[in-house]
Protein backbone atom coordinates (compact mmCIF):
# COMPACT_ATOMS: atom_id res chain seq x y z
CA MET A 1 122.87 43.49 57.03
CA CYS A 2 119.84 43.67 58.08
CA VAL A 3 120.44 43.78 61.65
CA LEU A 4 123.01 46.56 60.85
CA GLN A 5 120.32 48.54 58.91
CA PHE A 6 117.87 48.91 62.04
CA VAL A 7 121.34 49.21 64.76
CA LEU A 8 121.57 52.36 62.48
CA GLY A 9 118.25 53.12 61.33
CA LEU A 10 119.38 53.25 57.80
CA SER A 11 116.76 53.10 54.54
CA GLU A 12 116.96 50.77 52.10
CA ARG A 13 118.91 52.84 50.03
CA GLN A 14 121.42 54.35 52.77
CA ALA A 15 122.19 50.56 53.90
CA ALA A 16 123.30 49.04 50.41
CA GLU A 17 124.86 52.50 49.82
CA ALA A 18 127.33 51.81 53.24
CA VAL A 19 127.70 48.13 52.20
CA ARG A 20 129.50 49.81 48.62
CA CYS A 21 131.83 52.37 50.31
CA ARG A 22 131.73 51.87 54.49
CA ILE A 23 135.10 49.64 55.15
CA ASP A 24 134.08 49.19 59.05
CA PHE A 25 130.68 46.92 56.96
CA LYS A 26 132.72 44.78 54.53
CA TYR A 27 135.12 44.21 58.12
CA ALA A 28 131.45 43.43 59.87
CA LEU A 29 129.92 41.43 56.51
CA ALA A 30 133.79 39.60 55.90
CA MET A 31 133.46 41.23 52.24
CA GLU A 32 136.47 41.86 50.37
CA LEU A 33 137.36 45.43 50.11
CA ASP A 34 137.00 45.55 46.49
CA ASP A 35 132.92 43.83 46.52
CA LEU A 36 130.34 46.06 45.00
CA GLY A 37 127.57 45.38 47.31
CA PHE A 38 124.21 44.43 46.20
CA HIS A 39 120.93 46.77 44.61
CA HIS A 40 119.37 47.90 47.52
CA SER A 41 115.83 46.11 45.89
CA VAL A 42 117.70 42.69 47.96
CA LEU A 43 116.61 43.75 51.12
CA ALA A 44 113.05 43.89 49.89
CA ASP A 45 113.39 40.39 48.53
CA PHE A 46 114.59 39.39 51.10
CA ARG A 47 111.93 40.39 53.76
CA ASP A 48 109.57 38.83 51.76
CA ARG A 49 111.57 35.56 51.86
CA LEU A 50 111.62 36.54 55.50
CA ALA A 51 108.22 37.03 56.07
CA GLU A 52 107.83 33.14 54.83
CA GLY A 53 106.79 30.99 57.50
CA ASP A 54 108.51 31.42 60.83
CA ARG A 55 111.94 31.99 59.40
CA ALA A 56 111.51 35.78 61.46
CA ASP A 57 111.18 33.71 64.62
CA ARG A 58 113.96 31.42 63.67
CA LEU A 59 116.00 33.93 62.75
CA LEU A 60 115.58 35.42 66.58
CA ASP A 61 115.78 31.86 68.03
CA LEU A 62 119.83 31.85 66.45
CA ALA A 63 120.34 35.36 67.49
CA LEU A 64 119.10 34.03 71.60
CA ALA A 65 121.43 30.49 70.64
CA ARG A 66 124.39 32.45 70.59
CA LEU A 67 123.69 34.63 73.06
CA ARG A 68 122.92 31.56 75.18
CA GLU A 69 126.56 29.54 74.15
CA ALA A 70 128.28 32.85 75.50
CA GLY A 71 126.50 32.69 79.05
CA LEU A 72 125.10 36.47 78.18
CA VAL A 73 121.25 34.66 78.53
CA ARG A 74 120.34 31.98 80.71
CA GLU A 75 117.05 29.86 81.93
CA ARG A 76 114.76 30.31 85.10
CA THR A 77 116.11 33.82 85.55
CA THR A 78 113.20 36.95 85.75
CA GLN A 79 111.68 38.13 82.73
CA ARG A 80 109.24 40.23 82.54
CA THR A 81 106.81 41.12 79.41
CA ASP A 82 105.28 44.91 77.98
CA SER A 83 103.66 45.65 75.25
CA THR A 84 103.75 48.98 73.04
CA HIS A 85 101.22 50.27 70.14
CA VAL A 86 102.49 50.65 66.65
CA LEU A 87 101.46 52.73 63.92
CA ALA A 88 100.60 51.50 60.64
CA ALA A 89 102.21 52.79 57.75
CA VAL A 90 99.39 54.01 56.65
CA ARG A 91 97.30 57.35 56.38
CA ASP A 92 94.81 58.19 59.00
CA LEU A 93 91.38 57.88 56.75
CA THR A 94 87.87 58.84 57.68
CA ARG A 95 85.35 56.29 56.61
CA LEU A 96 84.21 58.34 53.20
CA GLU A 97 87.94 58.56 52.41
CA LEU A 98 88.74 55.05 53.15
CA ILE A 99 85.64 54.28 50.27
CA THR A 100 87.09 57.17 48.03
CA GLU A 101 90.45 55.53 48.17
CA ALA A 102 89.47 51.82 47.69
CA VAL A 103 87.71 52.83 44.98
CA ARG A 104 90.63 54.79 43.70
CA ALA A 105 93.21 51.92 44.61
CA ALA A 106 91.34 49.28 42.48
CA LEU A 107 90.99 51.47 39.62
CA GLU A 108 95.49 51.92 39.38
CA GLU A 109 95.48 48.26 39.59
CA VAL A 110 92.93 47.61 37.05
CA ALA A 111 95.09 50.01 35.36
CA SER A 112 98.17 48.75 35.39
CA ILE A 113 96.77 44.82 35.23
CA SER A 114 94.51 45.70 31.92
CA PRO A 115 93.20 49.08 31.45
CA HIS A 116 91.16 48.26 28.90
CA LEU A 117 89.10 47.32 30.78
CA LEU A 118 87.97 50.87 31.84
CA ASP A 119 87.38 51.66 28.46
CA GLN A 120 83.84 51.37 28.68
CA LEU A 121 83.37 52.78 32.64
CA VAL A 122 85.51 55.66 33.24
CA ASP A 123 84.44 59.43 32.18
CA GLU A 124 85.24 62.85 33.22
CA ASP A 125 83.21 62.33 36.64
CA TRP A 126 85.59 59.65 37.46
CA GLY A 127 88.75 61.23 36.42
CA ARG A 128 87.54 64.19 38.45
CA ARG A 129 86.98 62.18 42.00
CA TYR A 130 89.40 59.20 41.71
CA GLY A 131 92.55 61.22 39.47
CA ARG A 132 94.41 61.75 42.81
CA PRO A 133 94.57 60.91 46.33
CA VAL A 134 91.71 61.70 48.42
CA ARG A 135 92.27 64.56 50.90
CA LEU A 136 88.42 64.80 52.30
CA GLY A 137 88.67 65.68 55.93
CA LYS A 138 86.40 65.01 58.92
CA ASN A 139 84.00 67.74 57.55
CA PRO A 140 83.18 67.66 54.10
CA THR A 141 80.94 69.66 51.19
CA LYS A 142 77.73 67.29 50.92
CA PRO A 143 78.65 64.29 52.97
CA LYS A 144 75.77 62.22 52.08
CA THR A 145 75.62 63.02 47.93
CA ARG A 146 79.38 61.86 48.03
CA ILE A 147 78.79 59.05 50.16
CA LEU A 148 75.78 57.56 47.72
CA ALA A 149 78.28 58.57 44.43
CA THR A 150 80.98 56.63 45.75
CA GLY A 151 79.05 53.62 47.16
CA ASN A 152 77.39 53.41 43.85
CA ASP A 153 80.76 54.11 41.41
CA ALA A 154 82.13 51.34 43.67
CA VAL A 155 79.17 48.88 43.04
CA ARG A 156 79.43 49.68 39.22
CA LEU A 157 83.13 48.57 39.32
CA LEU A 158 82.55 45.80 40.41
CA GLU A 159 79.81 44.86 38.74
CA HIS A 160 81.52 45.44 35.42
CA LEU A 161 84.87 43.58 36.79
CA HIS A 162 83.04 40.71 37.14
CA ARG A 163 81.71 40.82 34.04
CA HIS A 164 84.34 41.38 31.67
CA GLY A 165 87.68 40.81 33.07
CA ALA A 166 88.00 37.45 36.08
CA ASP A 167 91.61 38.10 35.83
CA CYS A 168 91.12 41.27 37.67
CA THR A 169 88.65 40.50 40.64
CA SER A 170 91.49 38.22 42.27
CA GLY A 171 93.71 41.37 43.17
CA PRO A 172 94.73 42.51 46.52
CA GLN A 173 93.07 46.12 45.69
CA VAL A 174 89.86 44.71 44.28
CA ARG A 175 89.31 42.07 47.05
CA ALA A 176 90.06 45.23 49.79
CA LEU A 177 87.33 46.87 47.81
CA ARG A 178 84.39 44.50 48.01
CA GLN A 179 85.74 43.87 51.86
CA ILE A 180 84.97 47.59 52.37
CA MET A 181 81.51 48.10 50.50
CA VAL A 182 80.32 44.78 52.94
CA GLN A 183 81.73 46.19 55.94
CA ASN A 184 80.19 49.75 55.15
CA TYR A 185 77.48 49.63 53.22
CA HIS A 186 73.95 47.50 53.14
CA HIS A 187 70.97 47.37 50.93
CA ASP A 188 67.47 48.08 52.51
CA THR A 189 64.18 46.29 51.86
CA ALA A 190 63.51 48.16 48.74
CA GLY A 191 67.38 47.42 47.25
CA ARG A 192 69.04 50.33 47.58
CA LEU A 193 72.52 50.97 48.52
CA CYS A 194 72.11 52.92 52.47
CA TRP A 195 74.90 53.68 54.54
CA ARG A 196 75.95 51.47 57.90
CA THR A 197 75.79 54.02 61.22
CA ALA A 198 76.38 53.00 64.73
CA GLU A 199 72.83 52.61 65.81
CA LYS A 200 71.49 48.51 64.70
CA GLU A 201 67.77 49.85 64.60
CA GLU A 202 68.45 51.81 61.54
CA GLY A 203 70.56 48.45 59.90
CA PRO A 204 72.93 45.94 60.80
CA GLY A 205 75.23 47.98 62.02
CA LEU A 206 79.08 48.17 61.82
CA PRO A 207 81.64 45.12 62.12
CA PRO A 208 83.62 45.13 65.07
CA SER A 209 86.67 46.98 65.36
CA SER A 210 88.53 43.56 65.38
CA LEU A 211 87.19 43.09 61.80
CA ALA A 212 86.60 46.37 60.51
CA ILE A 213 89.69 47.60 57.27
CA VAL A 214 90.67 50.89 57.95
CA SER A 215 92.70 51.50 54.69
CA PRO A 216 92.48 49.45 51.78
CA TYR A 217 96.80 49.13 51.46
CA ASP A 218 96.99 47.67 54.60
CA THR A 219 94.01 45.30 55.27
CA SER A 220 95.58 43.74 58.34
CA ALA A 221 95.88 46.97 60.73
CA ARG A 222 93.13 48.07 62.68
CA TYR A 223 91.29 50.33 65.42
CA ALA A 224 92.06 50.30 68.63
CA ARG A 225 91.54 52.29 71.92
CA HIS A 226 93.45 52.44 75.39
CA GLY A 227 91.43 54.42 77.70
CA HIS A 228 90.12 57.92 76.77
CA ILE A 229 93.74 59.04 75.88
CA ILE A 230 95.53 56.12 73.74
CA SER A 231 93.67 55.46 70.53
CA TRP A 232 95.30 53.94 66.89
CA LYS A 233 95.49 52.37 63.71
CA GLY A 234 98.05 49.29 63.60
CA PHE A 235 99.49 46.93 65.54
CA SER A 236 100.79 45.94 69.34
CA ALA A 237 104.35 44.44 69.91
CA HIS A 238 104.98 42.51 73.34
CA LEU A 239 108.31 42.32 74.59
CA THR A 240 109.79 39.80 77.09
CA GLU A 241 113.09 40.72 77.86
CA THR A 242 115.55 39.27 80.82
CA CYS A 243 115.74 41.72 84.48
CA ALA A 244 118.49 40.08 86.40
CA PRO A 245 120.29 42.60 88.14
CA ASP A 246 123.73 40.94 87.47
CA GLY A 247 123.43 40.94 83.84
CA PRO A 248 122.21 42.87 80.49
CA ASN A 249 118.52 43.25 80.02
CA VAL A 250 118.63 40.86 76.50
CA ILE A 251 115.08 40.52 74.90
CA THR A 252 113.84 37.23 74.19
CA ASP A 253 110.69 36.93 72.68
CA VAL A 254 108.94 39.31 70.13
CA VAL A 255 105.42 39.21 69.12
CA THR A 256 103.56 41.48 66.35
CA THR A 257 99.16 40.93 67.07
CA ALA A 258 96.45 42.67 65.40
CA ALA A 259 95.59 46.23 67.80
CA THR A 260 92.69 44.54 68.92
CA THR A 261 94.05 41.57 70.58
CA HIS A 262 93.99 41.13 74.06
CA ASP A 263 97.44 41.24 76.44
CA SER A 264 96.76 37.97 77.87
CA GLN A 265 96.04 36.20 74.85
CA VAL A 266 99.54 36.04 73.71
CA LEU A 267 101.07 34.74 76.85
CA PRO A 268 100.52 30.84 76.43
CA GLY A 269 102.40 31.63 73.41
CA ILE A 270 105.67 33.04 74.76
CA HIS A 271 106.23 30.27 77.18
CA THR A 272 105.70 27.72 74.19
CA ARG A 273 108.41 30.01 72.26
CA LEU A 274 110.37 30.68 74.92
CA ALA A 275 110.16 26.63 76.34
CA ARG A 276 111.31 26.06 72.29
CA ARG A 277 114.52 27.99 73.26
CA GLY A 278 115.56 27.01 76.32
CA LEU A 279 114.99 30.41 77.98
CA LEU A 280 112.04 29.91 80.43
CA PRO A 281 111.62 32.05 83.35
CA ALA A 282 111.70 31.62 86.61
CA GLU A 283 109.51 34.45 88.05
CA HIS A 284 107.81 36.38 85.15
CA LEU A 285 106.03 39.76 85.55
CA VAL A 286 103.60 41.25 83.51
CA ASP A 287 100.53 44.39 84.40
CA ALA A 288 97.75 43.68 84.44
CA GLY A 289 96.73 43.41 80.60
CA TYR A 290 98.16 39.48 81.16
CA THR A 291 96.62 38.07 83.66
CA SER A 292 94.43 35.79 83.72
CA LEU A 293 93.50 32.60 85.85
CA PRO A 294 93.36 30.32 83.03
CA HIS A 295 96.71 30.87 81.39
CA LEU A 296 98.45 31.87 85.13
CA GLU A 297 97.15 28.01 86.05
CA GLU A 298 98.51 26.60 82.30
CA ALA A 299 102.14 27.91 82.69
CA ALA A 300 101.96 27.05 86.43
CA ARG A 301 101.30 23.27 85.33
CA GLU A 302 102.73 23.15 81.81
CA HIS A 303 106.47 25.41 82.41
CA GLN A 304 106.66 25.83 86.05
CA VAL A 305 106.58 29.57 85.49
CA THR A 306 105.41 31.66 88.07
CA VAL A 307 103.08 35.05 86.31
CA SER A 308 103.14 37.87 89.17
CA GLY A 309 101.49 40.86 88.36
CA PRO A 310 98.21 42.50 89.39
CA LEU A 311 95.08 40.75 88.34
CA ARG A 312 91.93 42.18 87.07
CA SER A 313 89.69 43.59 89.97
CA ASN A 314 86.64 42.61 90.65
CA ALA A 315 83.86 44.00 89.03
CA THR A 316 80.83 43.77 91.40
CA ARG A 317 79.49 47.12 92.14
CA GLN A 318 79.93 46.45 95.36
CA HIS A 319 83.78 46.49 94.81
CA ARG A 320 83.69 49.44 92.63
CA GLN A 321 81.91 51.89 94.53
CA ASN A 322 84.03 50.58 97.83
CA GLU A 323 80.85 50.10 99.89
CA GLY A 324 78.88 47.36 100.56
CA PHE A 325 79.60 43.26 100.72
CA ALA A 326 82.18 42.50 98.01
CA ARG A 327 82.67 38.53 97.07
CA ASP A 328 85.64 38.25 99.16
CA ASP A 329 83.41 39.21 102.11
CA PHE A 330 81.73 35.81 101.97
CA HIS A 331 83.22 32.59 102.85
CA ILE A 332 82.96 29.99 100.52
CA ASP A 333 82.61 25.77 101.42
CA TYR A 334 83.88 24.57 98.25
CA ASP A 335 84.01 21.03 100.60
CA ASN A 336 80.02 21.32 101.26
CA GLN A 337 79.46 23.32 98.09
CA GLN A 338 77.71 26.39 100.25
CA VAL A 339 78.50 30.08 100.60
CA THR A 340 78.13 31.97 103.73
CA CYS A 341 77.18 35.41 103.53
CA PRO A 342 78.71 38.12 106.22
CA ARG A 343 75.54 37.77 108.65
CA GLY A 344 75.32 34.26 108.61
CA GLN A 345 72.94 33.00 105.92
CA VAL A 346 74.03 30.28 104.21
CA SER A 347 73.51 29.80 100.29
CA ALA A 348 70.78 28.02 99.31
CA GLY A 349 72.12 26.67 95.49
CA TRP A 350 75.60 25.90 94.36
CA HIS A 351 75.86 25.32 90.38
CA GLY A 352 78.45 25.22 88.09
CA PRO A 353 80.95 25.56 86.86
CA TYR A 354 80.05 27.20 83.83
CA PRO A 355 82.69 27.93 81.09
CA THR A 356 82.24 31.54 80.28
CA SER A 357 82.22 33.02 76.88
CA SER A 358 86.21 34.91 77.48
CA PRO A 359 88.90 32.19 76.71
CA THR A 360 90.93 34.52 79.17
CA ALA A 361 88.16 34.58 81.63
CA ALA A 362 87.88 31.42 84.63
CA PRO A 363 84.57 29.09 84.49
CA LEU A 364 82.30 30.33 87.08
CA ILE A 365 80.62 28.81 90.19
CA VAL A 366 77.16 30.69 91.18
CA ALA A 367 75.75 30.16 94.63
CA ARG A 368 72.49 32.06 95.25
CA PHE A 369 70.29 33.11 97.90
CA THR A 370 66.72 32.50 98.59
CA LYS A 371 64.44 36.03 98.57
CA SER A 372 63.69 34.81 102.04
CA GLN A 373 66.63 34.63 103.25
CA CYS A 374 67.17 38.28 101.73
CA ARG A 375 64.15 40.26 102.44
CA PRO A 376 64.31 40.44 106.16
CA CYS A 377 67.78 41.29 106.57
CA PRO A 378 68.57 44.83 107.50
CA VAL A 379 72.02 45.58 105.50
CA ARG A 380 69.95 43.92 102.85
CA THR A 381 71.10 47.41 100.99
CA ARG A 382 74.10 46.49 100.83
CA CYS A 383 74.19 43.94 99.06
CA THR A 384 71.32 44.49 96.66
CA THR A 385 69.13 47.21 95.78
CA THR A 386 66.52 45.65 94.18
CA ALA A 387 63.17 44.81 96.89
CA ASP A 388 62.68 41.40 95.53
CA SER A 389 66.05 40.43 94.40
CA ALA A 390 68.50 37.71 96.48
CA ARG A 391 71.78 38.00 95.92
CA THR A 392 74.03 35.77 93.97
CA VAL A 393 77.56 35.15 94.06
CA GLY A 394 79.71 33.83 91.49
CA PHE A 395 83.50 32.40 91.77
CA PRO A 396 86.31 30.25 90.30
CA PRO A 397 87.01 26.24 91.00
CA ARG A 398 89.17 25.96 94.13
CA GLU A 399 92.22 25.27 92.02
CA LEU A 400 91.78 28.93 90.28
CA ARG A 401 90.75 30.37 93.74
CA ASP A 402 93.79 29.99 95.67
CA LEU A 403 95.81 30.51 92.95
CA GLN A 404 94.01 34.28 92.61
CA LEU A 405 94.77 34.77 96.06
CA ARG A 406 98.43 33.79 95.95
CA VAL A 407 98.96 37.05 92.94
CA ARG A 408 96.45 39.24 94.36
CA THR A 409 99.70 38.51 97.34
CA ARG A 410 102.50 38.74 95.18
CA ALA A 411 101.52 41.48 93.24
CA THR A 412 101.11 43.57 96.61
CA ASP A 413 104.39 42.63 97.86
CA ALA A 414 107.20 45.24 97.36
CA ARG A 415 109.92 43.12 95.69
CA VAL A 416 107.12 42.40 92.81
CA GLU A 417 106.56 46.51 92.18
CA GLY A 418 110.21 47.47 91.98
CA PRO A 419 110.77 45.17 89.15
CA LEU A 420 107.61 46.08 86.88
CA ARG A 421 108.96 49.80 86.85
CA GLY A 422 111.72 48.71 84.22
CA PRO A 423 113.48 49.11 80.94
CA LEU A 424 110.80 48.14 78.81
CA GLY A 425 107.48 49.62 80.77
CA ARG A 426 108.55 52.89 81.64
CA GLY A 427 112.19 53.83 81.60
CA GLY A 428 115.09 55.07 79.91
CA HIS A 429 115.44 51.56 77.68
CA GLY A 430 111.78 51.55 76.54
CA GLN A 431 111.56 54.83 74.68
CA ARG A 432 115.00 54.05 73.04
CA VAL A 433 113.69 50.62 71.66
CA ARG A 434 110.12 52.68 70.65
CA HIS A 435 111.74 55.48 69.47
CA GLY A 436 115.34 55.49 69.04
CA HIS A 437 114.85 52.21 67.04
CA GLY A 438 111.70 52.88 65.42
CA MET A 439 109.51 50.31 66.42
CA ARG A 440 106.48 53.23 67.22
CA ARG A 441 106.12 53.29 63.37
CA CYS A 442 105.69 50.30 60.62
CA ARG A 443 108.91 50.60 58.05
CA TYR A 444 106.27 48.22 55.72
CA ARG A 445 102.81 46.93 54.98
CA GLY A 446 101.28 44.13 56.79
CA GLN A 447 101.22 42.38 60.01
CA PRO A 448 104.04 39.23 58.79
CA LYS A 449 106.76 42.31 57.41
CA ALA A 450 105.48 44.50 60.61
CA HIS A 451 106.83 41.55 62.64
CA ILE A 452 109.96 41.29 60.67
CA GLN A 453 110.52 44.92 61.57
CA HIS A 454 110.00 44.18 65.50
CA VAL A 455 112.56 40.89 65.44
CA LEU A 456 115.16 42.95 63.60
CA THR A 457 114.58 46.08 65.99
CA ALA A 458 114.98 43.12 68.72
CA ILE A 459 118.20 41.90 67.83
CA ALA A 460 119.59 45.40 67.34
CA VAL A 461 118.63 46.15 70.61
CA ASN A 462 120.23 43.11 72.17
CA LEU A 463 123.25 44.00 70.01
CA GLU A 464 123.45 47.64 71.19
CA ARG A 465 122.69 46.75 74.84
CA LEU A 466 125.92 44.26 75.00
CA SER A 467 128.08 46.81 73.27
CA ARG A 468 128.05 48.91 76.06
CA LEU A 469 129.12 46.08 78.46
CA SER A 470 132.43 47.05 80.32
CA PRO A 471 135.07 44.70 78.92
CA ALA A 472 135.93 42.15 82.16
CA GLU A 473 139.31 44.35 83.61
CA GLU A 474 142.73 42.39 83.61
CA THR A 475 145.23 43.24 86.55
CA PRO A 476 148.02 44.73 84.41
CA ARG A 477 151.35 42.84 84.39
CA PRO A 478 153.95 44.00 86.39
CA ARG A 479 157.01 44.53 84.82
CA ARG A 480 159.93 42.69 85.18
CA PRO A 481 163.32 42.90 87.20
CA THR A 482 166.12 44.37 85.08
CA ALA A 483 169.61 41.96 85.42
CA PHE A 484 170.92 44.38 88.57
CA GLN A 485 167.77 43.97 90.48
CA ASP A 486 167.99 40.16 89.90
CA TYR A 487 171.94 40.73 90.96
CA LEU A 488 170.75 41.96 94.10
CA ASP A 489 168.15 40.28 94.91
CA GLN A 490 170.35 36.85 94.29
CA ARG A 491 173.29 38.55 96.73
CA GLU A 492 170.19 39.21 99.17
CA ILE A 493 171.38 42.68 98.91
CA ALA A 494 168.32 45.77 99.66
CA ARG A 495 166.76 47.66 97.26
CA PRO A 496 164.17 50.06 97.24
CA LYS A 497 161.30 47.98 95.89
CA SER A 498 158.46 49.01 93.38
CA TRP A 499 155.00 48.45 92.65
CA ARG A 500 155.88 47.94 89.03
CA THR A 501 158.60 45.06 89.72
CA LEU A 502 157.47 41.38 90.51
CA GLY A 503 157.48 40.38 94.00
CA SER A 504 156.94 43.82 95.24
């Protein structure tokens, strides 16, 4: 029923009503015609159970296993992965609105559990400030006064609950208020409550986006920005689908991550799940966000999967400005552990490989030239701009370097560029998945339930795509000869032939 709900874009009440009233739903669900159906709240209870553990992924496993048995999807084909941003089911709040709404949400929670605890705390001022959802906008009046007043109210509320209501301090809204207070306020040396700012000279600064809470009602949603255009609060959905030219496009994997999670970190998990389902591709097409040398090497070594996609460009100044000697202009001799510059100078030092702080970055070998080699060079300014500095060149180990060169060669091949521009990335199918099936906006709060929505959407999309397949056309059976025609044929008497008769 949940899959049919996402196929047709129904709400909870509409889905329950369809089960009670529509005969096609009763046939699809193998129900008796006089079956009374169920209450719409049953769907919410079912999602709560489905959010436990990996039950949502097991539901997708079951659907793909049926498609594999029917021969509609198979292993070692070509697949592609792309991501889209997903908006959380929360309002877009400023930091002041976030604090105010967090206090109001905590008051609502306490009032529903132990209202007597608020008798000694709440007065008319509290009722005026938190009696309804906050709407302050980006330019509220007296912002500094509101910031300090709201922060002091939050401190008083948390201290009051800690003294008188131990049971209420463990509620989700009170816990969210406590975390939001830590992330947005701090105490100075005099013990005064102060507002955190981005300038660390004025205090401890703000937490990173991967930890900062953006709504008291969904503490798993995060703020992220891609470039200078796209920014959102919520999650990211990563969809993997087949793209064989001789069959339907079937979504084979769904991942829901925090908005701040880098795309390259989800690639190992995708291959692990595809291996469990028996649907590993021979070639995996991705964009630049997913390509990292360690993960590409791991995919080829453990799963025999060729990941094709553009690698991120070299970060050196010479490469960015397209002038001077970049790393690729130096000859690397791994056997003798030395690097030769375009002017014929040989490096004096070879150090590493050093591990990097990022899990998606490859280990780095550093080759150094001396100042005595670089100072007299007539083209020194094309290598380094500082008079007293010498050039250093960083590069990955030999195995990863060879892989890097092969991937960059494949990325420029015309046969790769074509499939990358497909249904998930920029075509009509991708728009139907994101907008037609509502994947771009969360129906439910929390990352586990957002993942359930994405899994059910993927199954619904697969059903919709497969339903559009034209049935196998059978050759129409010719009409049998009549009795008189049989008589003529037995006597070998000529008769006019028709395309409708057998043997014509």
